[in-house]
Amino acid sequence: MEGTMLLDPEQRRLAAINGKLTSEVKFFAGLLGHLDEGGTFAVTQQEVSPHLWEVTNMHVHMRGKALFFKTIDTQEDETYSDFQPVPGDTTLHQAAELLKQAPIDLSRAQAKSQAQVKN
C-alpha cells in the first residue's frame, strides 16, 4: 500500500489519510479472501468544535473475494456535515427525537453511500 497522511501538528491529530493498494492483499494466505490491487480509500477528519474532531469525508473503493464464494465490491462515498452540538445531558431517547424532527435534505440523502456485497 502507498498513500499519504496529513497531521494537525497543534493538536497532534490525524486530519486525513488516503491510500492505494499497490498489490493484492491476501487474508490467511488467501483462504479467507483477498482485496484486489488498485483499491483506494480516503478519510478526512475536521475539528467541528473546539477539540472535537469528526470524520467529514470517507471514500472506499475496493474489490476482492471473501471465503471463495462472495465477491466484494465496495464503492462508498460519504460526506458528513452540519454538525450541531446538543446539551451534554441529552438522553438517547431525546437524541432520537431530535433526529426525527430534523428536516431531511433529499439532495444529500440520495445515494451518497453505496456498498454492495454480491454473492
N, C-alpha and C. Protein backbone atom coordinates (compact mmCIF):
# COMPACT_ATOMS: atom_id res chain seq x y z
N MET A 1 0.84 -1.16 0.00
CA MET A 1 0.00 0.00 0.00
C MET A 1 0.89 1.23 0.00
N GLU A 2 0.43 2.24 -0.71
CA GLU A 2 1.10 3.52 -0.64
C GLU A 2 0.05 4.60 -0.47
N GLY A 3 0.44 5.70 0.16
CA GLY A 3 -0.51 6.77 0.40
C GLY A 3 0.10 7.89 1.18
N THR A 4 -0.75 8.74 1.73
CA THR A 4 -0.29 9.90 2.48
C THR A 4 -1.11 10.06 3.75
N MET A 5 -0.50 10.71 4.74
CA MET A 5 -1.18 11.08 5.97
C MET A 5 -0.95 12.57 6.19
N LEU A 6 -1.99 13.26 6.61
CA LEU A 6 -1.89 14.68 6.93
C LEU A 6 -2.19 14.83 8.41
N LEU A 7 -1.28 15.46 9.14
CA LEU A 7 -1.42 15.61 10.58
C LEU A 7 -1.64 17.07 10.95
N ASP A 8 -2.42 17.31 11.99
CA ASP A 8 -2.56 18.64 12.57
C ASP A 8 -1.53 18.72 13.70
N PRO A 9 -0.43 19.46 13.49
CA PRO A 9 0.64 19.45 14.49
C PRO A 9 0.28 20.11 15.81
N GLU A 10 -0.63 21.09 15.78
CA GLU A 10 -1.01 21.77 17.02
C GLU A 10 -1.76 20.84 17.96
N GLN A 11 -2.69 20.06 17.41
CA GLN A 11 -3.50 19.18 18.25
C GLN A 11 -3.04 17.73 18.18
N ARG A 12 -2.01 17.48 17.38
CA ARG A 12 -1.48 16.12 17.23
C ARG A 12 -2.59 15.14 16.84
N ARG A 13 -3.31 15.50 15.80
CA ARG A 13 -4.43 14.70 15.30
C ARG A 13 -4.19 14.31 13.86
N LEU A 14 -4.72 13.16 13.48
CA LEU A 14 -4.72 12.73 12.10
C LEU A 14 -5.84 13.48 11.39
N ALA A 15 -5.50 14.32 10.41
CA ALA A 15 -6.51 15.12 9.70
C ALA A 15 -6.99 14.42 8.44
N ALA A 16 -6.11 13.66 7.79
CA ALA A 16 -6.52 12.96 6.57
C ALA A 16 -5.56 11.80 6.31
N ILE A 17 -6.09 10.78 5.68
CA ILE A 17 -5.28 9.64 5.27
C ILE A 17 -5.88 9.09 3.99
N ASN A 18 -5.02 8.74 3.06
CA ASN A 18 -5.51 8.11 1.83
C ASN A 18 -4.48 7.11 1.37
N GLY A 19 -4.94 6.13 0.63
CA GLY A 19 -4.02 5.11 0.16
C GLY A 19 -4.57 4.35 -1.02
N LYS A 20 -3.66 3.61 -1.62
CA LYS A 20 -3.99 2.77 -2.78
C LYS A 20 -3.27 1.45 -2.60
N LEU A 21 -3.99 0.36 -2.86
CA LEU A 21 -3.36 -0.96 -2.79
C LEU A 21 -2.49 -1.14 -4.02
N THR A 22 -1.21 -1.30 -3.80
CA THR A 22 -0.28 -1.46 -4.91
C THR A 22 -0.09 -2.92 -5.31
N SER A 23 -0.66 -3.80 -4.52
CA SER A 23 -0.65 -5.23 -4.86
C SER A 23 -1.83 -5.89 -4.14
N GLU A 24 -2.14 -7.09 -4.54
CA GLU A 24 -3.23 -7.83 -3.92
C GLU A 24 -2.94 -8.07 -2.44
N VAL A 25 -3.97 -7.97 -1.60
CA VAL A 25 -3.84 -8.23 -0.17
C VAL A 25 -4.58 -9.52 0.14
N LYS A 26 -3.86 -10.53 0.66
CA LYS A 26 -4.47 -11.81 0.98
C LYS A 26 -4.65 -11.95 2.48
N PHE A 27 -5.78 -12.54 2.87
CA PHE A 27 -6.06 -12.80 4.28
C PHE A 27 -5.92 -14.29 4.54
N PHE A 28 -5.02 -14.64 5.47
CA PHE A 28 -4.72 -16.03 5.79
C PHE A 28 -4.36 -16.79 4.51
N ALA A 29 -3.34 -16.28 3.84
CA ALA A 29 -2.81 -16.87 2.61
C ALA A 29 -3.87 -16.98 1.50
N GLY A 30 -4.86 -16.09 1.56
CA GLY A 30 -5.92 -16.09 0.55
C GLY A 30 -7.08 -17.01 0.86
N LEU A 31 -6.98 -17.82 1.91
CA LEU A 31 -8.07 -18.74 2.25
C LEU A 31 -9.32 -18.00 2.72
N LEU A 32 -9.13 -16.92 3.45
CA LEU A 32 -10.28 -16.14 3.92
C LEU A 32 -10.72 -15.09 2.92
N GLY A 33 -9.87 -14.80 1.96
CA GLY A 33 -10.24 -13.84 0.93
C GLY A 33 -9.07 -12.96 0.54
N HIS A 34 -9.37 -12.02 -0.35
CA HIS A 34 -8.34 -11.09 -0.79
C HIS A 34 -8.98 -9.80 -1.27
N LEU A 35 -8.17 -8.74 -1.32
CA LEU A 35 -8.55 -7.47 -1.92
C LEU A 35 -7.67 -7.27 -3.14
N ASP A 36 -8.29 -6.85 -4.26
CA ASP A 36 -7.55 -6.68 -5.50
C ASP A 36 -6.65 -5.45 -5.46
N GLU A 37 -5.58 -5.51 -6.21
CA GLU A 37 -4.69 -4.38 -6.42
C GLU A 37 -5.49 -3.22 -7.01
N GLY A 38 -5.16 -2.00 -6.63
CA GLY A 38 -5.80 -0.82 -7.20
C GLY A 38 -6.90 -0.22 -6.34
N GLY A 39 -7.32 -0.92 -5.28
CA GLY A 39 -8.35 -0.37 -4.40
C GLY A 39 -7.86 0.91 -3.73
N THR A 40 -8.78 1.83 -3.47
CA THR A 40 -8.39 3.10 -2.86
C THR A 40 -9.29 3.42 -1.67
N PHE A 41 -8.76 4.26 -0.78
CA PHE A 41 -9.54 4.79 0.33
C PHE A 41 -9.02 6.17 0.68
N ALA A 42 -9.89 6.99 1.22
CA ALA A 42 -9.51 8.33 1.69
C ALA A 42 -10.46 8.70 2.83
N VAL A 43 -9.89 9.18 3.92
CA VAL A 43 -10.69 9.60 5.07
C VAL A 43 -10.18 10.97 5.51
N THR A 44 -11.10 11.90 5.74
CA THR A 44 -10.76 13.24 6.21
C THR A 44 -11.50 13.50 7.51
N GLN A 45 -10.77 14.04 8.49
CA GLN A 45 -11.37 14.46 9.76
C GLN A 45 -11.19 15.96 9.88
N GLN A 46 -12.14 16.62 10.52
CA GLN A 46 -12.02 18.05 10.77
C GLN A 46 -12.45 18.36 12.20
N GLU A 47 -11.96 19.45 12.70
CA GLU A 47 -12.37 19.92 14.01
C GLU A 47 -13.73 20.59 13.84
N VAL A 48 -14.78 19.99 14.41
CA VAL A 48 -16.13 20.50 14.22
C VAL A 48 -16.55 21.44 15.36
N SER A 49 -15.87 21.38 16.46
CA SER A 49 -15.97 22.33 17.56
C SER A 49 -14.65 22.24 18.31
N PRO A 50 -14.36 23.17 19.20
CA PRO A 50 -13.05 23.14 19.84
C PRO A 50 -12.68 21.77 20.43
N HIS A 51 -11.59 21.23 19.93
CA HIS A 51 -11.03 19.95 20.39
C HIS A 51 -11.93 18.75 20.14
N LEU A 52 -12.90 18.87 19.25
CA LEU A 52 -13.76 17.75 18.88
C LEU A 52 -13.61 17.51 17.38
N TRP A 53 -13.05 16.38 17.03
CA TRP A 53 -12.79 16.01 15.64
C TRP A 53 -13.76 14.92 15.21
N GLU A 54 -14.27 15.04 13.99
CA GLU A 54 -15.17 14.04 13.43
C GLU A 54 -14.78 13.76 11.98
N VAL A 55 -15.10 12.55 11.52
CA VAL A 55 -14.89 12.20 10.12
C VAL A 55 -15.87 13.02 9.28
N THR A 56 -15.36 13.72 8.26
CA THR A 56 -16.21 14.54 7.40
C THR A 56 -16.33 13.98 5.99
N ASN A 57 -15.37 13.21 5.55
CA ASN A 57 -15.42 12.56 4.24
C ASN A 57 -14.81 11.18 4.32
N MET A 58 -15.44 10.23 3.63
CA MET A 58 -14.89 8.88 3.57
C MET A 58 -15.18 8.32 2.17
N HIS A 59 -14.14 7.84 1.53
CA HIS A 59 -14.26 7.24 0.20
C HIS A 59 -13.53 5.90 0.23
N VAL A 60 -14.25 4.82 -0.07
CA VAL A 60 -13.65 3.49 -0.10
C VAL A 60 -14.09 2.83 -1.40
N HIS A 61 -13.13 2.39 -2.19
CA HIS A 61 -13.39 1.72 -3.45
C HIS A 61 -12.51 0.47 -3.50
N MET A 62 -13.09 -0.67 -3.19
CA MET A 62 -12.34 -1.93 -3.11
C MET A 62 -13.11 -3.05 -3.80
N ARG A 63 -12.35 -3.99 -4.34
CA ARG A 63 -12.90 -5.21 -4.93
C ARG A 63 -12.07 -6.38 -4.45
N GLY A 64 -12.71 -7.55 -4.39
CA GLY A 64 -11.99 -8.74 -3.98
C GLY A 64 -12.93 -9.91 -3.80
N LYS A 65 -12.48 -10.88 -3.01
CA LYS A 65 -13.26 -12.09 -2.73
C LYS A 65 -13.19 -12.36 -1.23
N ALA A 66 -14.29 -12.95 -0.71
CA ALA A 66 -14.33 -13.37 0.69
C ALA A 66 -14.77 -14.83 0.73
N LEU A 67 -14.01 -15.65 1.42
CA LEU A 67 -14.33 -17.07 1.61
C LEU A 67 -14.70 -17.79 0.31
N PHE A 68 -13.94 -17.56 -0.74
CA PHE A 68 -14.07 -18.23 -2.03
C PHE A 68 -15.34 -17.90 -2.81
N PHE A 69 -16.44 -17.61 -2.12
CA PHE A 69 -17.72 -17.53 -2.79
C PHE A 69 -18.26 -16.13 -3.01
N LYS A 70 -17.95 -15.23 -2.12
CA LYS A 70 -18.54 -13.90 -2.18
C LYS A 70 -17.60 -12.90 -2.85
N THR A 71 -18.16 -12.15 -3.77
CA THR A 71 -17.42 -11.06 -4.40
C THR A 71 -17.59 -9.82 -3.54
N ILE A 72 -16.51 -9.15 -3.25
CA ILE A 72 -16.55 -7.90 -2.51
C ILE A 72 -16.45 -6.78 -3.53
N ASP A 73 -17.43 -5.90 -3.55
CA ASP A 73 -17.43 -4.75 -4.45
C ASP A 73 -17.96 -3.57 -3.66
N THR A 74 -17.09 -2.84 -3.01
CA THR A 74 -17.48 -1.74 -2.15
C THR A 74 -17.13 -0.42 -2.81
N GLN A 75 -18.15 0.38 -3.03
CA GLN A 75 -17.97 1.72 -3.60
C GLN A 75 -18.71 2.68 -2.66
N GLU A 76 -18.01 3.23 -1.71
CA GLU A 76 -18.63 4.12 -0.73
C GLU A 76 -18.07 5.52 -0.86
N ASP A 77 -18.95 6.49 -0.91
CA ASP A 77 -18.58 7.90 -0.90
C ASP A 77 -19.52 8.59 0.08
N GLU A 78 -19.01 8.96 1.22
CA GLU A 78 -19.84 9.55 2.27
C GLU A 78 -19.28 10.91 2.67
N THR A 79 -20.19 11.86 2.86
CA THR A 79 -19.83 13.19 3.33
C THR A 79 -20.71 13.52 4.52
N TYR A 80 -20.09 13.96 5.59
CA TYR A 80 -20.81 14.32 6.81
C TYR A 80 -20.61 15.81 7.05
N SER A 81 -21.69 16.51 7.34
CA SER A 81 -21.59 17.96 7.56
C SER A 81 -22.71 18.42 8.48
N ASP A 82 -22.78 19.71 8.69
CA ASP A 82 -23.82 20.33 9.52
C ASP A 82 -23.86 19.75 10.92
N PHE A 83 -22.68 19.58 11.53
CA PHE A 83 -22.62 19.09 12.90
C PHE A 83 -23.23 20.14 13.82
N GLN A 84 -24.11 19.69 14.72
CA GLN A 84 -24.77 20.59 15.66
C GLN A 84 -24.56 20.07 17.07
N PRO A 85 -24.16 20.95 17.99
CA PRO A 85 -24.00 20.49 19.38
C PRO A 85 -25.35 20.29 20.04
N VAL A 86 -25.41 19.36 20.95
CA VAL A 86 -26.59 19.14 21.79
C VAL A 86 -26.13 19.21 23.24
N PRO A 87 -27.04 19.52 24.14
CA PRO A 87 -26.63 19.58 25.56
C PRO A 87 -26.02 18.26 26.02
N GLY A 88 -25.06 18.35 26.91
CA GLY A 88 -24.36 17.17 27.39
C GLY A 88 -25.22 16.17 28.12
N ASP A 89 -26.36 16.61 28.65
CA ASP A 89 -27.23 15.70 29.39
C ASP A 89 -28.36 15.12 28.53
N THR A 90 -28.23 15.22 27.20
CA THR A 90 -29.24 14.69 26.29
C THR A 90 -29.25 13.17 26.37
N THR A 91 -30.44 12.60 26.55
CA THR A 91 -30.56 11.14 26.61
C THR A 91 -30.61 10.57 25.20
N LEU A 92 -30.45 9.28 25.08
CA LEU A 92 -30.53 8.61 23.78
C LEU A 92 -31.91 8.81 23.17
N HIS A 93 -32.95 8.69 23.98
CA HIS A 93 -34.32 8.89 23.50
C HIS A 93 -34.51 10.32 22.98
N GLN A 94 -34.01 11.31 23.71
CA GLN A 94 -34.13 12.70 23.27
C GLN A 94 -33.37 12.93 21.96
N ALA A 95 -32.20 12.32 21.84
CA ALA A 95 -31.42 12.46 20.61
C ALA A 95 -32.17 11.86 19.42
N ALA A 96 -32.80 10.71 19.62
CA ALA A 96 -33.58 10.08 18.56
C ALA A 96 -34.73 10.98 18.14
N GLU A 97 -35.38 11.60 19.10
CA GLU A 97 -36.49 12.52 18.78
C GLU A 97 -35.99 13.74 18.00
N LEU A 98 -34.82 14.26 18.37
CA LEU A 98 -34.25 15.38 17.63
C LEU A 98 -33.99 15.00 16.18
N LEU A 99 -33.48 13.79 15.96
CA LEU A 99 -33.22 13.35 14.59
C LEU A 99 -34.50 13.19 13.80
N LYS A 100 -35.56 12.72 14.44
CA LYS A 100 -36.84 12.57 13.76
C LYS A 100 -37.42 13.93 13.35
N GLN A 101 -37.15 14.96 14.13
CA GLN A 101 -37.68 16.29 13.86
C GLN A 101 -36.84 17.06 12.86
N ALA A 102 -35.60 16.64 12.63
CA ALA A 102 -34.70 17.37 11.74
C ALA A 102 -35.20 17.30 10.30
N PRO A 103 -35.17 18.43 9.57
CA PRO A 103 -35.57 18.38 8.16
C PRO A 103 -34.57 17.56 7.36
N ILE A 104 -35.09 16.82 6.39
CA ILE A 104 -34.25 15.96 5.57
C ILE A 104 -33.94 16.68 4.26
N ASP A 105 -32.66 16.83 3.96
CA ASP A 105 -32.23 17.40 2.69
C ASP A 105 -32.08 16.24 1.72
N LEU A 106 -33.08 16.03 0.86
CA LEU A 106 -33.09 14.87 -0.02
C LEU A 106 -31.91 14.86 -0.99
N SER A 107 -31.41 16.01 -1.38
CA SER A 107 -30.29 16.02 -2.31
C SER A 107 -29.05 15.40 -1.68
N ARG A 108 -28.89 15.58 -0.36
CA ARG A 108 -27.74 14.97 0.32
C ARG A 108 -28.03 13.55 0.73
N ALA A 109 -29.29 13.21 0.93
CA ALA A 109 -29.64 11.89 1.39
C ALA A 109 -29.60 10.85 0.28
N GLN A 110 -29.63 11.27 -0.98
CA GLN A 110 -29.71 10.34 -2.10
C GLN A 110 -28.34 9.80 -2.47
N ALA A 111 -28.18 8.51 -2.35
CA ALA A 111 -27.06 7.75 -2.91
C ALA A 111 -25.70 8.34 -2.66
N LYS A 112 -25.44 8.88 -1.46
CA LYS A 112 -24.09 9.32 -1.14
C LYS A 112 -23.24 8.12 -0.78
N SER A 113 -23.89 7.08 -0.32
CA SER A 113 -23.14 5.91 0.09
C SER A 113 -23.73 4.68 -0.59
N GLN A 114 -22.89 3.91 -1.25
CA GLN A 114 -23.32 2.67 -1.86
C GLN A 114 -22.31 1.60 -1.51
N ALA A 115 -22.77 0.55 -0.89
CA ALA A 115 -21.90 -0.57 -0.58
C ALA A 115 -22.64 -1.84 -0.99
N GLN A 116 -21.97 -2.67 -1.77
CA GLN A 116 -22.61 -3.88 -2.25
C GLN A 116 -21.71 -5.07 -1.96
N VAL A 117 -22.30 -6.11 -1.48
CA VAL A 117 -21.61 -7.39 -1.37
C VAL A 117 -22.43 -8.37 -2.18
N LYS A 118 -21.84 -8.86 -3.24
CA LYS A 118 -22.55 -9.76 -4.15
C LYS A 118 -22.23 -11.20 -3.82
N ASN A 119 -23.21 -12.04 -3.98
CA ASN A 119 -23.00 -13.49 -3.77
C ASN A 119 -22.34 -14.10 -4.98
